[in-house]
């Protein structure tokens, strides 16, 4: 189909899929199930496999993941030439697969790890396992050509993350002019939030020095910024909001009350000891992104933002499914599952 006809068809099909998804108020059904068998029956039409609970949780997560990828690719294939940003979204799984492969090779595992299959959209030659050089040859990650040492893994994973974000940003810039700002704004918001969440975790949980954290953030103009030139990056589109909090006292409400994102802070009571809670902030930021995606889907039919936001909405649903499955497997209290999922039923609307 040409782009206009494909966009109209995709919007109609994607709308129908969302209507049957566990998003918005329908998310309540996910969080109200009492067993893994009930969850399986809610999500899928076939008979529940006769396997132990621990195995059923994994089956549910894998089957939900495969269904999501299959639905997305079926929508994508309606375009004779889909926007590159829509393909780049799908290739995020290539990057995650490479992290799994790197870990397996690092620990000299003989079996290929479980990977997400994105079919012909992949640029990684998984059939060449365990030859990492052959797997990544002629791809944008051909530099990743030998098994990592355990001391290198974190740095390599961060390089993969930076490269993916850079590719997503560049592909978003290639969206037609009339739609470009919609996609760029969402990508910018998501990366800014990722930087803030990462900075808070490193600052509060790991007590990292501000200059070290600065070198681990995502930047629009630099792939890596060390502490000695942190000041020079203070206006970077992706990193400036995270850089601005690196020197704040984590236990001072006054230091944070005027923050640009103060609405995401954990509550404060006068006379009660307070410290910023990175998990609380992260949950509200993820919720905010999901709400933006839901609004964007319905407000921008016949644009690239429809399939882009659909991908993000369904990814969030997938996160809910994983949280519920793991919570049931481990017999975790329902309220704790909601917290782990970064949602409340009312906020998912």
Protein backbone atom coordinates (compact mmCIF):
# COMPACT_ATOMS: atom_id res chain seq x y z
CA UNK A 1 0.00 0.00 0.00
CA UNK A 2 1.06 3.61 -0.40
CA UNK A 3 1.84 5.45 2.81
CA UNK A 4 -1.54 7.19 3.14
CA UNK A 5 -3.63 4.07 2.57
CA UNK A 6 -1.37 1.96 4.78
CA UNK A 7 -1.54 4.51 7.61
CA UNK A 8 -5.34 4.54 7.58
CA UNK A 9 -5.50 0.73 7.54
CA UNK A 10 -2.88 0.39 10.28
CA UNK A 11 -4.71 2.87 12.50
CA UNK A 12 -7.93 0.89 12.19
CA UNK A 13 -6.23 -2.46 12.83
CA UNK A 14 -4.08 -1.14 15.68
CA UNK A 15 -7.13 0.44 17.30
CA UNK A 16 -8.90 -2.90 17.23
CA UNK A 17 -5.91 -4.61 18.81
CA UNK A 18 -5.67 -2.01 21.55
CA UNK A 19 -9.36 -2.39 22.33
CA UNK A 20 -8.64 -6.02 23.22
CA UNK A 21 -5.38 -5.27 25.07
CA UNK A 22 -4.89 -4.91 28.80
CA UNK A 23 -4.16 -1.21 28.78
CA UNK A 24 -5.98 1.71 30.35
CA UNK A 25 -8.88 0.56 32.52
CA UNK A 26 -8.59 -2.99 31.13
CA UNK A 27 -5.28 -3.40 32.96
CA UNK A 28 -7.37 -4.10 36.06
CA UNK A 29 -8.13 -7.57 34.71
CA UNK A 30 -4.43 -8.46 34.66
CA UNK A 31 -3.81 -7.41 38.24
CA UNK A 32 -6.91 -9.16 39.57
CA UNK A 33 -6.00 -12.71 38.48
CA UNK A 34 -5.28 -15.19 41.27
CA UNK A 35 -3.24 -17.88 39.52
CA UNK A 36 -0.92 -18.43 36.58
CA UNK A 37 -3.49 -20.74 34.96
CA UNK A 38 -6.06 -17.95 35.18
CA UNK A 39 -3.56 -15.49 33.69
CA UNK A 40 -2.81 -17.86 30.80
CA UNK A 41 -6.52 -18.27 30.10
CA UNK A 42 -7.00 -14.50 30.13
CA UNK A 43 -4.21 -13.89 27.63
CA UNK A 44 -4.42 -16.82 25.23
CA UNK A 45 -7.10 -18.91 23.51
CA UNK A 46 -5.41 -22.34 23.61
CA UNK A 47 -5.47 -24.84 26.46
CA UNK A 48 -3.25 -24.14 29.47
CA UNK A 49 -0.09 -26.31 29.28
CA UNK A 50 0.18 -29.04 31.92
CA UNK A 51 3.51 -27.88 33.36
CA UNK A 52 4.78 -26.80 36.80
CA UNK A 53 3.99 -23.23 37.91
CA UNK A 54 7.61 -22.11 37.54
CA UNK A 55 7.63 -23.23 33.90
CA UNK A 56 4.19 -21.79 33.19
CA UNK A 57 5.32 -18.30 34.20
CA UNK A 58 8.15 -18.47 31.68
CA UNK A 59 5.83 -19.82 28.98
CA UNK A 60 3.40 -16.95 29.56
CA UNK A 61 6.13 -14.31 29.33
CA UNK A 62 7.66 -15.82 26.18
CA UNK A 63 4.30 -16.36 24.48
CA UNK A 64 3.19 -12.79 25.28
CA UNK A 65 6.48 -11.43 23.94
CA UNK A 66 6.18 -13.44 20.72
CA UNK A 67 2.57 -12.34 20.25
CA UNK A 68 3.54 -8.69 20.66
CA UNK A 69 6.35 -8.93 18.10
CA UNK A 70 4.13 -10.86 15.67
CA UNK A 71 1.34 -8.27 15.91
CA UNK A 72 3.76 -5.39 15.44
CA UNK A 73 5.44 -6.90 12.40
CA UNK A 74 2.04 -7.71 10.87
CA UNK A 75 1.14 -4.01 11.15
CA UNK A 76 4.54 -2.89 9.89
CA UNK A 77 4.30 -5.08 6.80
CA UNK A 78 1.34 -3.07 5.52
CA UNK A 79 3.77 -0.36 4.47
CA UNK A 80 5.67 -0.87 1.23
CA UNK A 81 8.40 1.33 2.74
CA UNK A 82 7.89 1.82 6.49
CA UNK A 83 9.50 4.77 8.26
CA UNK A 84 12.94 3.77 9.47
CA UNK A 85 12.10 4.77 13.04
CA UNK A 86 9.42 2.05 13.13
CA UNK A 87 11.97 -0.57 12.12
CA UNK A 88 14.51 0.80 14.59
CA UNK A 89 12.00 0.28 17.40
CA UNK A 90 11.81 -3.41 16.51
CA UNK A 91 15.58 -3.71 16.28
CA UNK A 92 15.86 -2.76 19.93
CA UNK A 93 15.48 -6.50 20.40
CA UNK A 94 18.66 -7.13 18.40
CA UNK A 95 20.51 -5.03 20.96
CA UNK A 96 18.91 -6.84 23.89
CA UNK A 97 19.66 -10.19 22.24
CA UNK A 98 23.32 -9.21 21.90
CA UNK A 99 23.50 -8.50 25.62
CA UNK A 100 22.17 -12.00 26.30
CA UNK A 101 24.59 -13.51 23.79
CA UNK A 102 27.51 -11.59 25.26
CA UNK A 103 26.69 -12.81 28.76
CA UNK A 104 26.36 -16.42 27.56
CA UNK A 105 29.69 -16.31 25.71
CA UNK A 106 31.37 -14.57 28.63
CA UNK A 107 30.45 -17.49 30.89
CA UNK A 108 31.23 -20.04 28.17
CA UNK A 109 27.70 -21.42 27.92
CA UNK A 110 27.26 -23.96 25.12
CA UNK A 111 23.58 -23.30 24.39
CA UNK A 112 22.31 -20.14 22.74
CA UNK A 113 20.21 -18.14 25.20
CA UNK A 114 16.53 -17.51 24.63
CA UNK A 115 16.24 -14.64 22.15
CA UNK A 116 13.48 -12.51 20.68
CA UNK A 117 12.98 -13.37 17.01
CA UNK A 118 12.22 -10.33 14.84
CA UNK A 119 12.56 -12.27 11.61
CA UNK A 120 13.76 -10.52 8.46
CA UNK A 121 14.05 -7.18 10.27
CA UNK A 122 17.06 -8.42 12.21
CA UNK A 123 20.56 -7.49 11.13
CA UNK A 124 22.27 -10.05 13.36
CA UNK A 125 23.25 -13.48 11.98
CA UNK A 126 22.07 -15.61 14.88
CA UNK A 127 22.55 -18.77 12.79
CA UNK A 128 26.31 -18.35 13.22
CA UNK A 129 26.21 -18.91 17.00
CA UNK A 130 28.62 -19.05 18.82
CA UNK A 131 30.80 -17.07 16.40
CA UNK A 132 30.11 -13.51 17.56
CA UNK A 133 32.21 -11.99 14.79
CA UNK A 134 30.16 -13.76 12.12
CA UNK A 135 26.89 -12.86 13.87
CA UNK A 136 27.62 -9.13 13.85
CA UNK A 137 29.47 -8.92 10.51
CA UNK A 138 28.04 -6.35 8.06
CA UNK A 139 25.87 -4.84 10.80
CA UNK A 140 26.07 -1.53 12.66
CA UNK A 141 27.56 -3.42 15.62
CA UNK A 142 30.35 -5.18 13.72
CA UNK A 143 32.73 -3.70 16.33
CA UNK A 144 31.30 -6.25 18.77
CA UNK A 145 33.28 -9.16 17.36
CA UNK A 146 34.64 -11.14 20.28
CA UNK A 147 33.23 -12.56 23.52
CA UNK A 148 33.52 -10.02 26.35
CA UNK A 149 35.41 -10.54 29.56
CA UNK A 150 33.32 -10.22 32.71
CA UNK A 151 35.07 -6.92 33.46
CA UNK A 152 34.02 -5.57 30.04
CA UNK A 153 30.38 -6.56 30.01
CA UNK A 154 28.85 -3.49 31.64
CA UNK A 155 30.84 -1.10 29.45
CA UNK A 156 29.90 -2.98 26.27
CA UNK A 157 26.21 -3.10 27.25
CA UNK A 158 26.29 0.65 27.81
CA UNK A 159 27.91 1.15 24.41
CA UNK A 160 25.11 -0.91 22.84
CA UNK A 161 22.51 1.21 24.64
CA UNK A 162 24.13 4.45 23.49
CA UNK A 163 24.34 3.24 19.91
CA UNK A 164 20.70 2.18 19.87
CA UNK A 165 19.50 5.53 21.25
CA UNK A 166 21.61 7.39 18.70
CA UNK A 167 20.08 5.30 15.89
CA UNK A 168 16.56 5.81 17.21
CA UNK A 169 17.10 9.58 17.39
CA UNK A 170 18.55 9.78 13.88
CA UNK A 171 15.76 7.66 12.43
CA UNK A 172 13.18 9.85 14.17
CA UNK A 173 14.69 12.86 12.42
CA UNK A 174 13.96 11.17 9.08
CA UNK A 175 10.19 11.03 9.66
CA UNK A 176 8.26 13.32 7.26
CA UNK A 177 8.41 16.94 8.38
CA UNK A 178 4.72 17.25 9.27
CA UNK A 179 5.01 14.33 11.73
CA UNK A 180 8.61 14.65 12.87
CA UNK A 181 8.15 16.75 15.99
CA UNK A 182 5.65 14.26 17.43
CA UNK A 183 8.14 11.41 17.29
CA UNK A 184 11.15 13.48 18.29
CA UNK A 185 9.34 14.83 21.34
CA UNK A 186 8.49 11.34 22.58
CA UNK A 187 12.01 9.99 22.02
CA UNK A 188 13.51 13.05 23.74
CA UNK A 189 11.19 12.69 26.73
CA UNK A 190 11.94 8.98 27.06
CA UNK A 191 15.73 9.44 26.93
CA UNK A 192 15.60 12.36 29.38
CA UNK A 193 13.61 10.20 31.80
CA UNK A 194 16.01 7.28 31.34
CA UNK A 195 18.93 9.55 32.20
CA UNK A 196 17.21 10.87 35.33
CA UNK A 197 16.21 7.38 36.49
CA UNK A 198 19.70 6.03 35.88
CA UNK A 199 21.34 8.99 37.63
CA UNK A 200 19.09 8.66 40.68
CA UNK A 201 19.74 4.94 41.04
CA UNK A 202 23.51 5.40 40.79
CA UNK A 203 23.44 8.36 43.19
CA UNK A 204 21.15 6.93 45.88
CA UNK A 205 21.69 3.16 45.76
CA UNK A 206 25.34 2.98 44.70
CA UNK A 207 26.63 6.31 46.05
CA UNK A 208 28.51 7.06 42.84
CA UNK A 209 30.36 10.34 42.50
CA UNK A 210 28.63 12.94 40.33
CA UNK A 211 31.40 13.01 37.75
CA UNK A 212 31.31 9.23 37.36
CA UNK A 213 27.54 9.32 36.85
CA UNK A 214 27.95 12.08 34.26
CA UNK A 215 30.16 9.77 32.23
CA UNK A 216 27.46 7.08 32.20
CA UNK A 217 24.58 9.13 30.81
CA UNK A 218 23.18 9.33 27.29
CA UNK A 219 24.06 12.49 25.34
CA UNK A 220 22.72 13.86 22.11
CA UNK A 221 26.06 15.21 20.92
CA UNK A 222 28.60 13.02 22.69
CA UNK A 223 28.54 9.29 23.26
CA UNK A 224 30.55 9.69 26.44
CA UNK A 225 31.25 12.64 28.69
CA UNK A 226 33.77 12.45 31.49
CA UNK A 227 33.69 14.43 34.68
CA UNK A 228 36.25 17.02 33.65
CA UNK A 229 34.00 18.38 30.89
CA UNK A 230 30.63 17.89 32.61
CA UNK A 231 30.05 21.64 32.69
CA UNK A 232 30.41 21.81 28.92
CA UNK A 233 27.51 19.38 28.48
CA UNK A 234 25.10 21.17 30.82
CA UNK A 235 22.89 22.21 27.90
CA UNK A 236 22.81 18.81 26.19
CA UNK A 237 19.24 18.00 25.11
CA UNK A 238 19.25 14.50 26.60
CA UNK A 239 21.48 14.92 29.64
CA UNK A 240 20.95 18.43 31.02
CA UNK A 241 18.07 17.53 33.37
CA UNK A 242 20.01 14.60 34.83
CA UNK A 243 23.21 16.62 35.13
CA UNK A 244 21.29 19.31 37.03
CA UNK A 245 20.45 16.93 39.90
CA UNK A 246 23.84 15.29 40.41
CA UNK A 247 24.89 17.69 43.17
CA UNK A 248 21.55 17.82 45.00
CA UNK A 249 21.36 16.40 48.54
CA UNK A 250 19.24 13.27 48.34
CA UNK A 251 17.78 13.77 51.84
CA UNK A 252 16.80 17.43 51.51
CA UNK A 253 13.20 18.11 50.50
CA UNK A 254 14.01 21.81 50.08
CA UNK A 255 16.65 20.90 47.49
CA UNK A 256 14.08 19.03 45.40
CA UNK A 257 10.75 20.80 46.00
CA UNK A 258 11.34 23.27 43.17
CA UNK A 259 12.62 20.63 40.76
CA UNK A 260 11.29 20.63 37.22
CA UNK A 261 9.89 17.13 37.80
CA UNK A 262 8.72 17.63 41.39
CA UNK A 263 5.37 16.02 40.53
CA UNK A 264 7.23 12.70 40.30
CA UNK A 265 8.73 12.90 43.82
CA UNK A 266 7.72 10.59 46.64
CA UNK A 267 5.52 12.39 49.22
CA UNK A 268 6.96 14.59 51.94
CA UNK A 269 5.49 15.28 55.37
CA UNK A 270 6.64 18.10 57.65
CA UNK A 271 8.73 16.79 60.52
CA UNK A 272 9.27 13.40 58.89
CA UNK A 273 12.70 12.33 57.61
CA UNK A 274 12.63 12.27 53.80
CA UNK A 275 14.93 10.91 51.09
CA UNK A 276 14.24 10.81 47.39
CA UNK A 277 13.03 7.38 46.30
CA UNK A 278 14.39 6.48 42.82
CA UNK A 279 11.85 3.64 42.43
CA UNK A 280 8.95 6.00 43.12
CA UNK A 281 10.26 8.53 40.61
CA UNK A 282 10.87 5.81 38.03
CA UNK A 283 7.37 4.40 38.38
CA UNK A 284 5.76 7.80 37.85
CA UNK A 285 7.98 8.59 34.89
CA UNK A 286 7.13 5.29 33.23
CA UNK A 287 3.46 5.95 33.89
CA UNK A 288 3.78 9.40 32.36
CA UNK A 289 5.37 7.97 29.22
CA UNK A 290 2.57 5.44 28.87
CA UNK A 291 -0.07 8.13 29.24
CA UNK A 292 1.68 10.25 26.59
CA UNK A 293 1.74 7.25 24.24
CA UNK A 294 -1.97 6.57 24.79
CA UNK A 295 -2.87 10.19 24.04
CA UNK A 296 -0.58 10.35 21.02
CA UNK A 297 -2.09 7.20 19.50
CA UNK A 298 -5.60 8.61 19.43
CA UNK A 299 -4.71 12.21 18.59
CA UNK A 300 -2.48 11.52 15.59
CA UNK A 301 -4.14 9.06 13.18
CA UNK A 302 -2.54 8.49 9.79
CA UNK A 303 0.93 9.40 11.07
CA UNK A 304 4.04 7.45 12.06
CA UNK A 305 3.14 8.24 15.67
CA UNK A 306 0.29 5.71 15.55
CA UNK A 307 2.51 2.66 15.19
CA UNK A 308 5.29 4.23 17.26
CA UNK A 309 2.98 4.86 20.21
CA UNK A 310 1.27 1.47 19.72
CA UNK A 311 4.68 -0.18 20.15
CA UNK A 312 5.29 1.74 23.39
CA UNK A 313 1.80 1.05 24.77
CA UNK A 314 2.06 -2.66 24.07
CA UNK A 315 5.56 -2.80 25.52
CA UNK A 316 4.14 -1.35 28.71
CA UNK A 317 1.40 -3.98 28.69
CA UNK A 318 4.08 -6.63 28.27
CA UNK A 319 5.83 -5.24 31.36
CA UNK A 320 2.57 -5.59 33.29
CA UNK A 321 2.20 -9.20 32.15
CA UNK A 322 5.73 -10.05 33.26
CA UNK A 323 5.23 -8.42 36.65
CA UNK A 324 1.96 -10.30 37.24
CA UNK A 325 3.42 -13.63 36.08
CA UNK A 326 6.50 -13.29 38.28
CA UNK A 327 4.41 -12.10 41.21
CA UNK A 328 2.13 -15.12 40.97
CA UNK A 329 5.09 -17.48 40.57
CA UNK A 330 6.73 -16.10 43.70
CA UNK A 331 3.45 -15.65 45.60
CA UNK A 332 4.01 -11.92 45.99
CA UNK A 333 1.27 -9.71 47.44
CA UNK A 334 -0.87 -8.04 44.76
CA UNK A 335 -0.06 -4.53 45.98
CA UNK A 336 3.65 -5.28 45.69
CA UNK A 337 3.10 -6.51 42.13
CA UNK A 338 1.39 -3.22 41.27
CA UNK A 339 4.35 -1.31 42.68
CA UNK A 340 6.85 -3.47 40.80
CA UNK A 341 4.89 -2.90 37.59
CA UNK A 342 5.06 0.86 38.11
CA UNK A 343 1.29 1.19 38.00
CA UNK A 344 -1.92 1.33 39.91
CA UNK A 345 -5.13 0.33 38.20
CA UNK A 346 -6.46 3.87 38.38
CA UNK A 347 -3.25 5.36 37.00
CA UNK A 348 -3.20 2.97 34.06
CA UNK A 349 -6.31 4.66 32.68
